[in-house]
Protein backbone atom coordinates (compact mmCIF):
# COMPACT_ATOMS: atom_id res chain seq x y z
CA MET A 1 89.87 128.19 113.96
CA LYS A 2 87.10 129.39 111.73
CA THR A 3 87.14 126.23 109.60
CA ARG A 4 86.84 124.10 112.69
CA TRP A 5 83.67 125.87 113.90
CA LEU A 6 82.09 125.64 110.44
CA PHE A 7 82.80 121.89 110.69
CA ILE A 8 81.32 121.38 114.12
CA ILE A 9 78.02 123.21 113.70
CA PRO A 10 76.44 121.04 111.00
CA PHE A 11 77.23 117.84 112.88
CA ALA A 12 75.74 119.31 116.02
CA ILE A 13 72.56 120.14 114.10
CA PHE A 14 72.31 116.54 112.84
CA SER A 15 72.76 115.20 116.35
CA LEU A 16 69.61 117.00 117.52
CA THR A 17 67.43 114.85 115.24
CA SER A 18 65.56 111.83 116.55
CA ILE A 19 66.17 109.40 113.73
CA ALA A 20 66.29 105.84 114.80
CA LEU A 21 69.55 104.17 113.87
CA THR A 22 69.78 100.64 112.49
CA LYS A 23 71.64 97.74 114.16
CA GLN A 24 74.40 98.08 111.54
CA ASP A 25 74.67 101.84 112.22
CA ASN A 26 75.22 101.17 115.88
CA VAL A 27 77.85 98.55 115.16
CA TRP A 28 79.77 101.06 113.00
CA ILE A 29 79.45 103.87 115.61
CA LYS A 30 80.68 101.60 118.36
CA ALA A 31 83.68 100.39 116.32
CA VAL A 32 84.64 103.95 115.39
CA LYS A 33 84.27 105.17 118.98
CA LYS A 34 86.58 102.36 120.18
CA GLU A 35 89.23 103.12 117.58
CA TYR A 36 89.11 106.92 117.24
CA GLY A 37 87.06 108.35 120.17
CA ASP A 38 83.83 110.15 121.01
CA ARG A 39 84.07 112.97 118.37
CA ALA A 40 84.64 110.45 115.59
CA ALA A 41 81.62 108.47 116.70
CA ARG A 42 79.45 111.60 116.64
CA ARG A 43 80.58 112.20 113.01
CA VAL A 44 79.60 108.66 112.05
CA ASN A 45 76.29 109.12 113.89
CA ALA A 46 75.68 112.31 111.88
CA TRP A 47 76.49 110.47 108.58
CA ARG A 48 74.06 107.67 109.42
CA GLU A 49 71.33 110.21 110.30
CA LEU A 50 71.93 111.95 107.00
CA ILE A 51 71.65 108.74 105.05
CA SER A 52 68.37 108.04 106.79
CA GLU A 53 67.10 111.55 106.08
CA LEU A 54 67.98 111.32 102.36
CA ASP A 55 66.52 107.87 101.85
CA GLY A 56 63.81 108.14 99.15
CA LYS A 57 64.73 111.75 98.21
CA LYS A 58 65.47 112.80 94.60
CA GLU A 59 68.95 111.99 93.40
CA LYS A 60 69.73 115.69 92.82
CA GLU A 61 69.12 116.33 96.53
CA GLN A 62 71.10 113.36 97.57
CA LEU A 63 74.09 114.51 95.50
CA ALA A 64 74.03 117.95 96.98
CA GLU A 65 73.71 116.92 100.60
CA VAL A 66 76.30 114.09 100.45
CA ASN A 67 78.76 116.39 98.66
CA GLN A 68 78.30 119.15 101.29
CA PHE A 69 78.50 116.79 104.19
CA PHE A 70 81.87 115.24 103.35
CA ASN A 71 83.39 118.48 102.12
CA GLN A 72 83.41 119.64 105.71
CA LEU A 73 86.31 117.38 106.62
CA TYR A 74 89.97 118.43 106.51
CA PHE A 75 92.15 117.76 103.48
CA VAL A 76 95.44 116.07 104.42
CA ASN A 77 97.90 114.32 102.13
CA ASP A 78 98.30 110.52 102.71
CA ILE A 79 101.94 110.74 103.60
CA ASP A 80 101.21 113.19 106.43
CA LEU A 81 98.03 111.44 107.64
CA TRP A 82 98.83 107.71 107.17
CA GLY A 83 102.59 107.74 106.60
CA LYS A 84 102.10 106.21 103.15
CA ALA A 85 102.42 107.65 99.64
CA ASP A 86 98.98 106.44 98.69
CA TYR A 87 96.19 105.09 100.90
CA TRP A 88 92.52 104.81 100.17
CA ALA A 89 90.51 105.15 103.38
CA THR A 90 87.13 103.62 103.92
CA PRO A 91 84.28 106.01 104.77
CA LEU A 92 84.59 104.94 108.46
CA GLU A 93 88.38 105.58 108.45
CA PHE A 94 87.81 108.98 106.80
CA LEU A 95 85.23 110.03 109.31
CA GLY A 96 87.17 108.57 112.11
CA SER A 97 90.28 110.42 111.16
CA ASN A 98 88.40 113.73 110.48
CA ALA A 99 90.69 114.11 107.48
CA GLY A 100 91.75 112.63 104.20
CA ASP A 101 92.88 113.41 100.65
CA CYS A 102 90.86 113.65 97.42
CA GLU A 103 90.47 109.92 97.04
CA ASP A 104 88.87 109.68 100.49
CA PHE A 105 86.40 112.38 99.85
CA THR A 106 85.45 110.76 96.56
CA ILE A 107 85.19 107.27 97.98
CA ALA A 108 82.99 108.34 100.92
CA LYS A 109 80.58 110.16 98.54
CA TYR A 110 80.48 107.17 96.16
CA PHE A 111 79.57 104.64 98.91
CA SER A 112 77.03 107.00 100.43
CA LEU A 113 75.19 107.52 97.16
CA LEU A 114 75.36 103.85 96.35
CA GLU A 115 73.75 103.07 99.69
CA LEU A 116 71.04 105.67 98.99
CA GLY A 117 70.07 103.66 95.84
CA VAL A 118 71.87 105.60 93.12
CA PRO A 119 72.77 102.91 90.58
CA ASP A 120 76.44 102.09 90.25
CA LYS A 121 76.21 102.61 86.49
CA LYS A 122 75.47 106.24 87.13
CA LEU A 123 78.63 106.78 89.19
CA ARG A 124 82.35 106.88 88.39
CA LEU A 125 85.36 107.72 90.41
CA ILE A 126 87.61 109.63 88.06
CA TYR A 127 91.35 109.89 88.55
CA LEU A 128 92.61 112.96 86.72
CA LYS A 129 95.07 115.84 86.60
CA ALA A 130 94.03 119.11 88.27
CA LEU A 131 95.67 121.47 85.85
CA GLU A 132 95.66 124.67 87.90
CA LEU A 133 97.20 122.88 90.85
CA ASP A 134 99.50 120.79 88.67
CA GLN A 135 98.73 117.64 90.74
CA PHE A 136 96.84 114.39 90.40
CA HIS A 137 93.36 114.40 91.79
CA MET A 138 90.14 112.32 92.13
CA VAL A 139 86.51 113.42 91.84
CA LEU A 140 83.17 111.60 91.70
CA ALA A 141 81.12 111.86 88.48
CA TYR A 142 77.30 111.34 88.29
CA TYR A 143 75.78 110.42 84.93
CA PRO A 144 71.95 111.08 84.83
CA THR A 145 71.93 108.98 81.69
CA PRO A 146 74.65 106.99 79.92
CA SER A 147 75.12 109.70 77.30
CA SER A 148 74.79 112.71 79.65
CA VAL A 149 77.50 115.15 80.53
CA PRO A 150 78.34 114.08 84.07
CA LEU A 151 78.08 116.22 87.15
CA ILE A 152 81.25 116.51 89.16
CA LEU A 153 81.40 116.22 92.97
CA ASP A 154 84.70 117.64 94.17
CA ASN A 155 86.41 118.76 97.32
CA ILE A 156 88.44 121.47 95.58
CA ASP A 157 85.57 123.19 93.79
CA LYS A 158 82.74 122.43 96.24
CA GLU A 159 79.99 123.48 93.87
CA ILE A 160 78.53 120.63 91.81
CA LYS A 161 79.09 121.50 88.12
CA PRO A 162 78.78 119.78 84.74
CA ALA A 163 82.03 118.35 83.54
CA THR A 164 82.02 120.77 80.62
CA GLU A 165 82.47 123.59 83.14
CA ARG A 166 85.50 122.00 84.76
CA THR A 167 88.13 122.77 82.14
CA ASP A 168 90.70 122.67 84.96
CA LEU A 169 90.36 118.88 85.04
CA LEU A 170 92.03 116.40 82.66
CA PRO A 171 90.67 112.86 83.09
CA ILE A 172 92.99 109.88 82.97
CA TYR A 173 90.90 106.89 83.95
CA SER A 174 87.65 106.19 85.71
CA PHE A 175 86.02 103.24 87.48
CA ASN A 176 83.05 102.15 89.57
CA GLY A 177 82.16 98.94 91.38
CA GLN A 178 82.53 96.76 88.26
CA HIS A 179 84.32 98.48 85.37
CA LEU A 180 87.40 100.43 84.53
CA TRP A 181 87.61 102.97 81.67
CA LEU A 182 90.54 104.82 80.02
CA MET A 183 89.51 108.41 79.56
CA LYS A 184 90.54 110.05 76.29
CA GLY A 185 89.28 113.39 75.04
CA LYS A 186 85.79 114.55 76.06
CA GLY A 187 84.03 111.21 75.76
CA ASN A 188 83.00 108.73 78.46
CA GLY A 189 86.06 106.70 77.92
CA GLN A 190 86.97 103.24 76.57
CA GLN A 191 86.27 100.29 78.83
CA ALA A 192 89.49 98.61 79.88
CA GLY A 193 88.34 95.72 81.94
CA GLU A 194 87.16 95.33 85.46
CA SER A 195 87.80 97.68 88.39
CA SER A 196 89.27 94.63 90.31
CA ARG A 197 92.42 95.37 88.35
CA LEU A 198 93.08 98.25 90.79
CA SER A 199 94.90 96.87 93.87
CA LEU A 200 94.12 99.93 96.04
CA TRP A 201 90.44 99.47 95.21
CA ASN A 202 90.47 95.80 96.16
CA ASP A 203 92.23 96.59 99.45
CA LEU A 204 89.78 99.29 100.32
CA ARG A 205 86.77 97.12 99.57
CA ALA A 206 88.19 94.29 101.63
CA ARG A 207 88.71 96.63 104.61
CA ASN A 208 85.26 98.19 104.15
CA GLU A 209 83.46 94.83 104.15
CA GLY A 210 85.61 93.42 106.98
CA LEU A 211 85.26 96.58 109.19
CA ARG A 212 88.98 96.87 109.51
CA LEU A 213 90.01 100.32 110.77
CA ASN A 214 93.52 101.66 110.53
CA HIS A 215 94.65 104.60 112.71
CA PRO A 216 96.31 107.73 111.30
CA ILE A 217 99.58 109.07 112.52
CA ILE A 218 98.08 112.53 113.22
CA ASN A 219 94.99 113.21 115.36
CA TYR A 220 92.83 115.91 113.78
CA ASP A 221 90.45 115.89 116.70
CA GLU A 222 92.89 117.55 119.03
């Protein structure tokens, strides 16, 4: 019960602001309300207000606020939430469901920062092994410069840290909107083609662009 109250309070605070939403914002809110209900619509409203508030802010602040915002949602494995072994939800599906797994946290943060103007070349979604948990995982990496040690946005360790401090993570591959890299050692990886090689990424982007919303098999708003 404590986790749920910590989740509700920040969204309630955002809802008290008087930020004017765009036509696209209202289309998304209406679609999510129809598919998932009033609570889900309020979460999307809070997200859109956050994006508006962060517009023009420094990237460091954008990273921190976006990371904190999405880390409020519940972690649930795909098989339990969607009835599938692996499903990459769009940000609207993630907020609509009030839950998701590591890919969903990472994807929502990626698209939010991209919308805020953070260049795609500074962002990578990294698929890796979480060594302490002995399971596969995904995080978002932010590179201030091409040669910088990236900052890691994660739903397990919620504090943004340089990759050099995340010795519990073993990168396997990474990608962004255009490129795919194989990750070996401590470097930035070797480019291995276009990210369009990833079928789950292609499916996700098609649903995101087409505003197609799937419904989970568990309701985390009850």
